[in-house]
Protein backbone atom coordinates (compact mmCIF):
# COMPACT_ATOMS: atom_id res chain seq x y z
CA UNK A 1 16.35 -39.03 -38.88
CA UNK A 2 16.66 -35.27 -39.10
CA UNK A 3 14.65 -34.10 -42.22
CA UNK A 4 17.54 -31.99 -43.51
CA UNK A 5 19.93 -34.89 -43.21
CA UNK A 6 17.51 -37.26 -44.95
CA UNK A 7 16.96 -34.80 -47.80
CA UNK A 8 20.72 -34.30 -48.24
CA UNK A 9 21.35 -38.05 -48.56
CA UNK A 10 18.48 -38.48 -51.00
CA UNK A 11 19.86 -35.62 -53.08
CA UNK A 12 23.22 -37.36 -53.39
CA UNK A 13 21.45 -40.57 -54.47
CA UNK A 14 19.44 -38.79 -57.15
CA UNK A 15 22.52 -37.07 -58.53
CA UNK A 16 24.33 -40.37 -58.66
CA UNK A 17 21.49 -42.03 -60.57
CA UNK A 18 21.42 -39.23 -63.12
CA UNK A 19 25.11 -39.79 -63.81
CA UNK A 20 24.86 -42.98 -65.92
CA UNK A 21 28.58 -42.82 -66.67
CA UNK A 22 29.48 -43.19 -63.04
CA UNK A 23 32.23 -45.70 -62.52
CA UNK A 24 32.64 -48.24 -59.75
CA UNK A 25 35.02 -45.95 -57.90
CA UNK A 26 32.32 -43.36 -57.85
CA UNK A 27 29.97 -45.88 -56.32
CA UNK A 28 32.47 -46.67 -53.61
CA UNK A 29 33.07 -42.99 -53.00
CA UNK A 30 29.36 -42.40 -52.61
CA UNK A 31 29.05 -45.35 -50.28
CA UNK A 32 31.87 -43.97 -48.18
CA UNK A 33 30.25 -40.57 -47.92
CA UNK A 34 26.92 -42.13 -47.01
CA UNK A 35 28.52 -44.25 -44.30
CA UNK A 36 30.32 -41.22 -42.89
CA UNK A 37 27.04 -39.29 -42.86
CA UNK A 38 25.20 -42.13 -41.13
CA UNK A 39 27.93 -42.42 -38.50
CA UNK A 40 27.81 -38.67 -38.03
CA UNK A 41 24.05 -38.83 -37.50
CA UNK A 42 24.46 -41.42 -34.77
CA UNK A 43 27.19 -39.44 -33.02
CA UNK A 44 25.46 -36.05 -33.28
CA UNK A 45 22.07 -37.42 -32.23
CA UNK A 46 23.75 -38.99 -29.23
CA UNK A 47 25.26 -35.64 -28.34
CA UNK A 48 21.85 -33.98 -28.84
CA UNK A 49 20.09 -36.48 -26.57
CA UNK A 50 22.65 -35.95 -23.82
CA UNK A 51 22.46 -32.15 -24.15
CA UNK A 52 18.66 -32.26 -23.98
CA UNK A 53 18.71 -34.53 -20.92
CA UNK A 54 21.15 -32.24 -19.13
CA UNK A 55 19.16 -29.15 -20.12
CA UNK A 56 15.96 -30.69 -18.72
CA UNK A 57 17.72 -31.46 -15.44
CA UNK A 58 19.07 -27.90 -15.23
CA UNK A 59 15.62 -26.46 -16.01
CA UNK A 60 14.00 -28.67 -13.34
CA UNK A 61 16.59 -27.55 -10.78
CA UNK A 62 16.05 -23.89 -11.64
CA UNK A 63 12.27 -24.19 -11.30
CA UNK A 64 12.56 -25.95 -7.93
CA UNK A 65 15.07 -23.38 -6.68
CA UNK A 66 12.73 -20.51 -7.54
CA UNK A 67 9.62 -22.19 -6.11
CA UNK A 68 11.48 -23.06 -2.89
CA UNK A 69 12.03 -19.38 -2.03
CA UNK A 70 9.73 -17.88 0.62
CA UNK A 71 9.67 -14.66 -1.41
CA UNK A 72 6.74 -14.03 -3.74
CA UNK A 73 8.67 -11.45 -5.74
CA UNK A 74 9.00 -12.64 -9.34
CA UNK A 75 12.30 -10.80 -9.90
CA UNK A 76 13.86 -12.42 -6.83
CA UNK A 77 12.64 -15.84 -7.92
CA UNK A 78 13.94 -15.32 -11.47
CA UNK A 79 17.36 -14.36 -10.08
CA UNK A 80 17.49 -17.60 -8.08
CA UNK A 81 16.44 -19.59 -11.13
CA UNK A 82 19.13 -17.95 -13.28
CA UNK A 83 21.81 -18.73 -10.69
CA UNK A 84 20.92 -22.44 -10.55
CA UNK A 85 20.47 -22.66 -14.32
CA UNK A 86 23.90 -21.19 -15.08
CA UNK A 87 25.61 -23.42 -12.50
CA UNK A 88 24.03 -26.55 -14.01
CA UNK A 89 24.56 -25.77 -17.70
CA UNK A 90 28.26 -24.87 -17.83
CA UNK A 91 29.18 -28.41 -18.95
CA UNK A 92 26.41 -28.88 -21.51
CA UNK A 93 27.61 -29.37 -25.09
CA UNK A 94 26.00 -26.48 -26.97
CA UNK A 95 25.69 -22.76 -27.57
CA UNK A 96 23.21 -20.04 -26.53
CA UNK A 97 21.89 -22.13 -23.63
CA UNK A 98 19.48 -19.86 -21.80
CA UNK A 99 16.13 -19.45 -20.06
CA UNK A 100 13.71 -18.19 -22.68
CA UNK A 101 10.63 -17.83 -20.46
CA UNK A 102 10.00 -17.46 -16.72
CA UNK A 103 6.52 -17.30 -15.19
CA UNK A 104 5.21 -17.36 -11.62
CA UNK A 105 1.51 -17.78 -10.83
CA UNK A 106 0.97 -16.80 -7.20
CA UNK A 107 -2.59 -18.14 -7.12
CA UNK A 108 -1.35 -21.68 -7.73
CA UNK A 109 2.21 -21.32 -6.42
CA UNK A 110 3.58 -22.58 -9.73
CA UNK A 111 6.89 -21.59 -11.32
CA UNK A 112 7.21 -22.39 -15.04
CA UNK A 113 10.51 -22.18 -16.94
CA UNK A 114 11.27 -22.75 -20.62
CA UNK A 115 14.84 -23.02 -21.91
CA UNK A 116 16.69 -23.74 -25.14
CA UNK A 117 20.13 -24.26 -26.68
CA UNK A 118 21.84 -24.93 -30.03
CA UNK A 119 24.23 -27.82 -30.74
CA UNK A 120 26.97 -27.44 -33.38
CA UNK A 121 27.11 -30.69 -35.36
CA UNK A 122 30.31 -32.52 -36.28
CA UNK A 123 30.09 -35.07 -39.11
CA UNK A 124 26.48 -34.13 -39.99
CA UNK A 125 27.81 -30.80 -41.24
CA UNK A 126 29.01 -32.72 -44.33
CA UNK A 127 25.35 -33.08 -45.25
CA UNK A 128 24.78 -29.36 -44.72
CA UNK A 129 23.30 -29.67 -41.22
CA UNK A 130 25.40 -27.25 -39.17
CA UNK A 131 23.30 -26.96 -35.99
CA UNK A 132 20.48 -28.69 -34.13
CA UNK A 133 18.24 -26.89 -31.60
CA UNK A 134 17.01 -28.43 -28.35
CA UNK A 135 14.68 -27.12 -25.62
CA UNK A 136 12.96 -28.04 -22.36
CA UNK A 137 10.10 -26.98 -20.12
CA UNK A 138 9.57 -27.47 -16.40
CA UNK A 139 6.96 -26.43 -13.83
CA UNK A 140 7.53 -26.61 -10.07
CA UNK A 141 4.65 -26.41 -7.61
CA UNK A 142 4.74 -25.53 -3.91
CA UNK A 143 1.71 -26.92 -2.14
CA UNK A 144 0.44 -28.15 1.20
CA UNK A 145 0.48 -31.91 1.53
CA UNK A 146 -2.42 -33.53 3.34
CA UNK A 147 -5.06 -31.73 5.38
CA UNK A 148 -4.10 -28.68 7.45
CA UNK A 149 -6.14 -26.62 9.92
CA UNK A 150 -4.40 -23.50 11.24
CA UNK A 151 -5.35 -20.93 13.89
CA UNK A 152 -3.55 -17.58 13.68
CA UNK A 153 -3.58 -16.08 17.19
CA UNK A 154 -2.49 -12.48 16.59
CA UNK A 155 -1.66 -9.75 19.09
CA UNK A 156 -3.71 -6.59 18.38
CA UNK A 157 -2.82 -4.64 21.51
CA UNK A 158 -1.94 -0.95 21.61
CA UNK A 159 1.79 -1.69 21.65
CA UNK A 160 1.40 -2.84 18.04
CA UNK A 161 1.07 0.84 17.15
CA UNK A 162 4.80 1.30 17.73
CA UNK A 163 7.39 1.22 14.99
CA UNK A 164 8.84 -2.13 14.00
CA UNK A 165 12.22 -0.49 13.49
CA UNK A 166 11.37 1.19 10.20
CA UNK A 167 8.71 3.49 8.81
CA UNK A 168 5.87 0.98 9.31
CA UNK A 169 4.10 0.15 12.55
CA UNK A 170 4.15 -3.36 13.96
CA UNK A 171 0.51 -3.96 13.02
CA UNK A 172 1.25 -2.98 9.40
CA UNK A 173 4.15 -5.43 9.23
CA UNK A 174 2.03 -8.15 10.85
CA UNK A 175 -0.73 -7.72 8.27
CA UNK A 176 1.72 -8.13 5.41
CA UNK A 177 3.40 -11.21 6.94
CA UNK A 178 0.11 -12.90 7.87
CA UNK A 179 -1.38 -12.37 4.40
CA UNK A 180 1.76 -13.80 2.84
CA UNK A 181 1.34 -16.94 4.94
CA UNK A 182 -2.31 -17.25 3.90
CA UNK A 183 -1.33 -16.89 0.24
CA UNK A 184 1.39 -19.53 0.60
CA UNK A 185 -0.97 -22.11 2.08
CA UNK A 186 -4.21 -21.32 0.26
CA UNK A 187 -3.20 -21.83 -3.36
CA UNK A 188 -5.60 -22.95 -6.08
CA UNK A 189 -4.54 -26.52 -5.33
CA UNK A 190 -5.08 -26.36 -1.55
CA UNK A 191 -8.66 -27.52 -1.10
CA UNK A 192 -7.69 -29.36 2.10
CA UNK A 193 -6.42 -26.27 3.97
CA UNK A 194 -8.47 -24.20 6.42
CA UNK A 195 -7.29 -21.15 8.38
CA UNK A 196 -8.92 -19.19 11.20
CA UNK A 197 -7.95 -15.94 12.95
CA UNK A 198 -8.07 -15.07 16.66
CA UNK A 199 -7.27 -11.38 17.29
CA UNK A 200 -6.55 -10.90 20.98
CA UNK A 201 -5.89 -8.00 23.36
CA UNK A 202 -7.67 -7.29 26.66
CA UNK A 203 -10.59 -9.46 25.63
CA UNK A 204 -11.75 -11.73 22.81
CA UNK A 205 -14.56 -10.81 20.41
CA UNK A 206 -16.54 -13.95 19.48
CA UNK A 207 -18.87 -12.08 17.13
CA UNK A 208 -22.35 -10.76 17.89
CA UNK A 209 -23.85 -13.46 15.68
CA UNK A 210 -23.12 -15.99 18.44
CA UNK A 211 -25.32 -14.26 21.01
CA UNK A 212 -27.84 -17.09 21.18
CA UNK A 213 -25.28 -19.91 21.07
CA UNK A 214 -25.55 -22.60 23.73
CA UNK A 215 -22.01 -22.02 25.00
CA UNK A 216 -22.43 -18.38 25.94
CA UNK A 217 -24.53 -16.28 28.30
CA UNK A 218 -25.05 -12.61 27.47
CA UNK A 219 -27.06 -10.05 29.44
CA UNK A 220 -29.82 -8.27 27.57
CA UNK A 221 -29.05 -4.95 25.96
CA UNK A 222 -30.70 -2.07 27.75
CA UNK A 223 -31.61 1.54 27.24
CA UNK A 224 -31.70 3.79 30.31
CA UNK A 225 -33.59 7.07 30.12
CA UNK A 226 -32.72 9.40 32.96
CA UNK A 227 -34.78 12.55 33.56
CA UNK A 228 -32.80 15.76 33.89
CA UNK A 229 -34.79 18.40 35.80
CA UNK A 230 -35.00 21.99 34.71
CA UNK A 231 -32.42 24.37 36.12
CA UNK A 232 -33.45 27.96 36.89
CA UNK A 233 -31.12 30.85 36.17
CA UNK A 234 -28.95 31.79 39.14
CA UNK A 235 -27.36 35.19 39.63
CA UNK A 236 -24.43 35.91 41.92
CA UNK A 237 -22.24 38.89 42.67
CA UNK A 238 -18.65 38.40 41.50
CA UNK A 239 -15.99 40.50 43.23
CA UNK A 240 -12.80 38.49 42.59
CA UNK A 241 -11.11 36.60 39.80
CA UNK A 242 -8.28 34.12 39.47
CA UNK A 243 -5.14 35.22 37.68
CA UNK A 244 -3.05 32.24 36.55
CA UNK A 245 0.43 31.94 35.14
CA UNK A 246 2.45 28.91 34.01
CA UNK A 247 4.70 27.41 36.63
CA UNK A 248 8.03 25.67 36.06
CA UNK A 249 7.92 23.45 32.92
CA UNK A 250 7.13 19.83 33.67
CA UNK A 251 6.74 16.71 31.50
CA UNK A 252 4.76 13.67 32.63
CA UNK A 253 4.44 10.18 31.15
CA UNK A 254 1.76 7.53 30.99
CA UNK A 255 2.10 3.86 30.03
CA UNK A 256 -0.47 1.84 28.07
CA UNK A 257 0.42 -1.77 27.24
CA UNK A 258 4.10 -0.93 27.61
CA UNK A 259 3.86 2.13 25.32
CA UNK A 260 5.20 5.22 27.08
CA UNK A 261 3.49 8.51 26.14
CA UNK A 262 4.89 11.88 27.23
CA UNK A 263 2.73 14.96 27.73
CA UNK A 264 3.02 18.49 29.10
CA UNK A 265 1.84 18.66 32.71
CA UNK A 266 3.22 22.10 33.62
CA UNK A 267 1.12 23.35 36.57
CA UNK A 268 -0.66 26.69 36.67
CA UNK A 269 0.08 29.07 39.54
CA UNK A 270 -3.09 31.03 40.36
CA UNK A 271 -3.86 33.93 42.72
CA UNK A 272 -7.17 35.59 43.58
CA UNK A 273 -7.39 39.34 43.03
CA UNK A 274 -10.25 41.76 43.77
CA UNK A 275 -12.22 43.32 40.93
CA UNK A 276 -15.13 45.73 40.61
CA UNK A 277 -18.21 43.73 41.66
CA UNK A 278 -20.73 42.67 38.96
CA UNK A 279 -23.71 40.39 38.58
CA UNK A 280 -23.13 37.04 36.82
CA UNK A 281 -26.16 34.95 35.90
CA UNK A 282 -26.41 31.41 34.49
CA UNK A 283 -28.80 30.80 31.61
CA UNK A 284 -30.47 27.82 33.21
CA UNK A 285 -31.86 24.89 31.19
CA UNK A 286 -35.24 23.27 30.56
CA UNK A 287 -36.15 19.77 31.76
CA UNK A 288 -34.83 17.02 29.50
CA UNK A 289 -33.74 13.40 29.49
CA UNK A 290 -30.41 11.60 29.08
CA UNK A 291 -30.42 8.29 27.17
CA UNK A 292 -27.71 5.68 27.79
CA UNK A 293 -27.56 2.60 25.57
CA UNK A 294 -25.68 -0.41 26.91
CA UNK A 295 -25.25 -3.30 24.49
CA UNK A 296 -23.17 -6.34 23.58
CA UNK A 297 -20.33 -5.87 21.11
CA UNK A 298 -19.22 -9.51 21.06
CA UNK A 299 -16.86 -9.16 24.05
CA UNK A 300 -16.51 -11.99 26.57
CA UNK A 301 -14.87 -12.57 29.93
CA UNK A 302 -12.69 -15.54 30.77
CA UNK A 303 -14.48 -18.41 32.53
CA UNK A 304 -14.95 -17.75 36.23
CA UNK A 305 -16.56 -21.05 37.26
CA UNK A 306 -15.49 -24.66 36.92
CA UNK A 307 -12.40 -26.63 37.82
CA UNK A 308 -10.26 -25.49 34.89
CA UNK A 309 -11.26 -21.91 34.23
CA UNK A 310 -8.92 -21.21 31.36
CA UNK A 311 -8.73 -24.56 29.61
CA UNK A 312 -10.61 -24.95 26.33
CA UNK A 313 -13.01 -27.77 25.48
CA UNK A 314 -14.63 -27.52 28.91
CA UNK A 315 -18.08 -28.85 29.71
CA UNK A 316 -20.87 -27.14 27.77
CA UNK A 317 -22.47 -26.29 31.11
CA UNK A 318 -19.56 -23.97 31.87
CA UNK A 319 -20.62 -21.07 29.68
CA UNK A 320 -18.61 -18.09 28.62
CA UNK A 321 -19.94 -14.79 29.95
CA UNK A 322 -20.52 -11.98 27.50
CA UNK A 323 -20.49 -8.48 28.91
CA UNK A 324 -22.29 -5.35 27.77
CA UNK A 325 -21.07 -1.76 27.77
CA UNK A 326 -21.71 1.74 26.54
CA UNK A 327 -18.77 1.39 24.17
CA UNK A 328 -16.77 -1.45 22.61
CA UNK A 329 -13.92 -2.85 24.68
CA UNK A 330 -12.80 -5.74 22.48
CA UNK A 331 -11.44 -5.54 18.96
CA UNK A 332 -11.99 -7.56 15.77
CA UNK A 333 -14.15 -10.69 15.93
CA UNK A 334 -12.79 -14.22 15.52
CA UNK A 335 -12.78 -15.64 11.99
CA UNK A 336 -13.68 -19.38 12.13
CA UNK A 337 -11.76 -21.92 10.04
CA UNK A 338 -12.31 -21.32 6.33
CA UNK A 339 -10.60 -21.88 2.99
CA UNK A 340 -11.95 -18.59 1.59
CA UNK A 341 -8.81 -16.58 0.93
CA UNK A 342 -10.70 -13.31 0.42
CA UNK A 343 -12.45 -13.67 3.79
CA UNK A 344 -9.12 -14.18 5.53
CA UNK A 345 -7.11 -11.46 3.79
CA UNK A 346 -9.95 -8.94 4.25
CA UNK A 347 -10.09 -9.78 7.96
CA UNK A 348 -6.33 -9.33 8.27
CA UNK A 349 -6.45 -6.00 6.45
CA UNK A 350 -9.20 -4.88 8.84
CA UNK A 351 -7.30 -5.62 12.06
CA UNK A 352 -7.30 -2.63 14.44
CA UNK A 353 -5.37 -1.88 17.62
CA UNK A 354 -7.79 0.58 19.21
CA UNK A 355 -11.36 1.78 19.00
CA UNK A 356 -11.72 5.43 19.99
CA UNK A 357 -10.09 5.91 23.37
CA UNK A 358 -9.99 2.17 24.01
CA UNK A 359 -6.31 1.20 23.75
CA UNK A 360 -6.07 -2.39 24.94
CA UNK A 361 -3.36 -4.13 26.92
CA UNK A 362 -2.16 -7.75 26.67
CA UNK A 363 -3.79 -10.90 28.04
CA UNK A 364 -2.33 -13.87 26.14
CA UNK A 365 -4.20 -16.76 27.87
CA UNK A 366 -7.50 -15.87 26.19
CA UNK A 367 -5.83 -15.80 22.78
CA UNK A 368 -4.50 -19.33 23.33
CA UNK A 369 -7.84 -20.61 24.67
CA UNK A 370 -9.68 -19.44 21.60
CA UNK A 371 -6.95 -20.65 19.26
CA UNK A 372 -7.55 -24.16 20.59
CA UNK A 373 -11.33 -23.63 20.55
CA UNK A 374 -11.08 -22.71 16.87
CA UNK A 375 -9.29 -25.98 16.04
CA UNK A 376 -11.50 -28.16 18.21
CA UNK A 377 -14.34 -30.13 16.59
CA UNK A 378 -16.50 -29.32 19.64
CA UNK A 379 -18.30 -26.08 20.46
CA UNK A 380 -17.84 -23.10 20.63
CA UNK A 381 -16.68 -23.45 17.00
CA UNK A 382 -17.28 -26.70 15.16
CA UNK A 383 -15.54 -26.17 11.82
CA UNK A 384 -12.54 -28.23 12.91
CA UNK A 385 -12.23 -31.92 12.07
CA UNK A 386 -11.78 -34.56 14.77
CA UNK A 387 -8.34 -34.70 16.37
CA UNK A 388 -5.82 -37.17 14.95
CA UNK A 389 -3.46 -38.59 17.58
CA UNK A 390 -0.69 -38.50 14.95
CA UNK A 391 -1.70 -34.94 13.95
CA UNK A 392 -1.61 -35.80 10.25
CA UNK A 393 -5.22 -36.07 9.08
CA UNK A 394 -5.75 -33.29 9.82
CA UNK A 395 -2.54 -31.59 10.81
CA UNK A 396 -3.66 -28.97 13.35
CA UNK A 397 -1.41 -25.93 13.75
CA UNK A 398 -1.60 -22.93 16.09
CA UNK A 399 0.56 -19.84 15.49
CA UNK A 400 0.83 -17.41 18.43
CA UNK A 401 2.33 -13.99 17.67
CA UNK A 402 2.79 -11.36 20.37
CA UNK A 403 4.95 -8.29 20.74
CA UNK A 404 5.14 -8.13 24.50
CA UNK A 405 4.57 -9.49 27.96
CA UNK A 406 1.26 -10.10 29.70
CA UNK A 407 0.10 -6.80 31.20
CA UNK A 408 -3.37 -7.81 32.50
CA UNK A 409 -4.52 -10.20 35.21
CA UNK A 410 -7.60 -12.40 35.70
CA UNK A 411 -10.12 -11.11 38.23
CA UNK A 412 -12.45 -13.39 40.18
CA UNK A 413 -15.45 -12.47 37.98
CA UNK A 414 -13.60 -13.33 34.75
CA UNK A 415 -12.76 -9.75 33.85
CA UNK A 416 -9.18 -8.58 33.39
CA UNK A 417 -7.55 -6.00 35.63
CA UNK A 418 -4.41 -3.90 35.75
CA UNK A 419 -1.19 -5.02 37.39
CA UNK A 420 -0.59 -3.90 40.95
CA UNK A 421 1.32 -0.66 41.41
CA UNK A 422 3.75 -2.45 43.73
CA UNK A 423 6.57 -3.81 41.58
CA UNK A 424 7.03 -7.04 43.55
CA UNK A 425 3.31 -7.81 43.56
CA UNK A 426 3.06 -7.00 39.86
CA UNK A 427 5.94 -9.38 39.06
CA UNK A 428 4.17 -12.18 40.93
CA UNK A 429 0.96 -11.43 39.03
CA UNK A 430 2.75 -11.63 35.67
CA UNK A 431 4.29 -14.97 36.68
CA UNK A 432 0.79 -16.28 37.44
CA UNK A 433 -0.56 -15.15 34.04
CA UNK A 434 2.49 -16.62 32.26
CA UNK A 435 1.89 -19.94 34.02
CA UNK A 436 -1.78 -19.80 32.99
CA UNK A 437 -0.63 -19.27 29.40
CA UNK A 438 1.68 -22.28 29.60
CA UNK A 439 -1.09 -24.48 30.99
CA UNK A 440 -3.10 -23.79 27.83
CA UNK A 441 -0.04 -24.39 25.65
CA UNK A 442 0.35 -27.77 27.38
CA UNK A 443 -3.33 -28.54 26.75
CA UNK A 444 -2.84 -27.75 23.05
CA UNK A 445 0.20 -30.00 22.80
CA UNK A 446 -1.58 -32.82 24.65
CA UNK A 447 -4.17 -32.65 21.87
CA UNK A 448 -1.24 -33.00 19.42
CA UNK A 449 -1.73 -29.48 18.07
CA UNK A 450 1.53 -28.20 16.58
CA UNK A 451 2.29 -24.86 18.31
CA UNK A 452 4.46 -22.16 16.74
CA UNK A 453 5.26 -19.03 18.76
CA UNK A 454 6.70 -15.73 17.54
CA UNK A 455 8.14 -13.09 19.89
CA UNK A 456 7.96 -9.88 17.86
CA UNK A 457 10.43 -7.29 19.20
CA UNK A 458 9.92 -8.67 22.72
CA UNK A 459 12.49 -7.43 25.24
CA UNK A 460 11.05 -9.02 28.38
CA UNK A 461 13.12 -12.13 29.19
CA UNK A 462 10.34 -13.86 31.13
CA UNK A 463 7.96 -13.38 28.22
CA UNK A 464 10.48 -14.86 25.78
CA UNK A 465 11.08 -17.83 28.06
CA UNK A 466 7.34 -18.40 28.33
CA UNK A 467 6.91 -18.30 24.52
CA UNK A 468 9.83 -20.71 24.03
CA UNK A 469 8.27 -23.16 26.49
CA UNK A 470 4.87 -22.78 24.83
CA UNK A 471 6.16 -23.87 21.40
CA UNK A 472 6.15 -27.52 20.34
CA UNK A 473 9.96 -27.48 20.03
CA UNK A 474 12.86 -25.04 19.84
CA UNK A 475 12.44 -25.09 16.06
CA UNK A 476 8.86 -23.87 16.51
CA UNK A 477 9.92 -20.69 18.35
CA UNK A 478 10.97 -17.50 16.52
CA UNK A 479 12.63 -14.50 18.12
CA UNK A 480 11.68 -11.84 15.54
CA UNK A 481 13.60 -8.77 16.61
CA UNK A 482 12.44 -6.56 13.72
CA UNK A 483 10.06 -6.33 10.77
CA UNK A 484 12.22 -8.38 8.42
CA UNK A 485 12.58 -11.14 11.01
CA UNK A 486 8.80 -11.27 11.52
CA UNK A 487 8.27 -11.68 7.79
CA UNK A 488 10.90 -14.42 7.71
CA UNK A 489 9.25 -16.21 10.66
CA UNK A 490 5.87 -16.39 8.92
CA UNK A 491 7.58 -17.48 5.69
CA UNK A 492 9.46 -20.22 7.53
CA UNK A 493 6.23 -21.52 9.07
CA UNK A 494 4.67 -21.59 5.61
CA UNK A 495 7.69 -23.45 4.24
CA UNK A 496 7.44 -26.08 6.97
CA UNK A 497 3.85 -26.85 5.96
CA UNK A 498 4.44 -27.09 2.21
CA UNK A 499 6.44 -29.32 -0.11
CA UNK A 500 7.80 -29.00 -3.64
CA UNK A 501 7.10 -31.17 -6.64
CA UNK A 502 7.50 -30.99 -10.39
CA UNK A 503 4.11 -30.77 -12.04
CA UNK A 504 5.46 -30.84 -15.62
């Protein structure tokens, strides 16, 4: 019984007892009032229970609606919660029904909502109880169910330097979308989730720490010291000079990984004219040496021996070949499967699309090979659990994102070359590389790996067709035509791997 109601009834009883002259009619009057009050308590408490039950349901719905959103923006989530809350409270018996607290903890993926309302009493008002308050609290949690291992195979080629349709470059948009996916899956409650990253371009970087691994063969670094002999001064008589002027203006273009760059290539028109003869002498130079350091930066070729050159999980005797150079010609190293969110987000933030003058083109097959290698329990990387034929424990997932078509080919030694200058020959070469890509996609799906593909601002029809065929199903393919669509694609993938539940 409500304390106020109980106190009011007891007060009436005490007053009645003090009035010793009370007549029988007074007793009946009191009894009538008491009965009315008791009936009012039953009715109003019934109304209160129903209002509280409906408020709890509305609060639960609002929390689930907010947690379901792919957005991590608290204001956007609060707006969704408000919309659901209002729609589900219009029929509740009460006043001032509102959300009193909204909180979103990104680290755990939890949305918490508190709400309250006030019920105007009916018969209980006779006892001086005009209103009764009621409240509710709900927490909704978005989390990964089961065990998940994911390989993010991300295009880091030079074409990612282009705009994504707004002020940001494609690589900037990719970093934001990929980090959002990591944050969605790796919450405080996601101990059974591991994610790895495979940046790909011309070549794959497996990390210099793997130099001595059994699955790779790397030439020794070397330092060449070349003697440069002394050069004596030389004097000559100069009697002419070149006089040059600019010719007709001309603009030329060059193409790197599909990115067209224009530059001024206006030719000079030069003529030789006589001048008063004079002696011109060089300074000469002393003897010296030139040192050239050639080392391994973690870069590897594709396999060039064995029956299935490109397929992952090949025999350990078929080693990958590392190659050395005077400068680095592969980009960021692979990040093996881990549940360390800081390691992953730092690696994503550090993704680059060029190193100095090295502006890489696209060779997708290697990205796919190493995506599967990352998920495999066998070497080269062994962080992955054994395959499950039902792909549930663990659920292995590969996400391939690229912004263009294959623009490199596989040479006989495992290196990657440029497309032929002849258009017909080049088209045939691209078809071959696309088919190689699909053979690896098939291998992944045979292993029951769930393959998502994202075409980011891809205009090449053959490339889109290849990516669609690579995906596990049509629902696993995303045609992201701009930055917003790329963000949505990564969010959708995250949504497909998580589920909602009420934790409070």
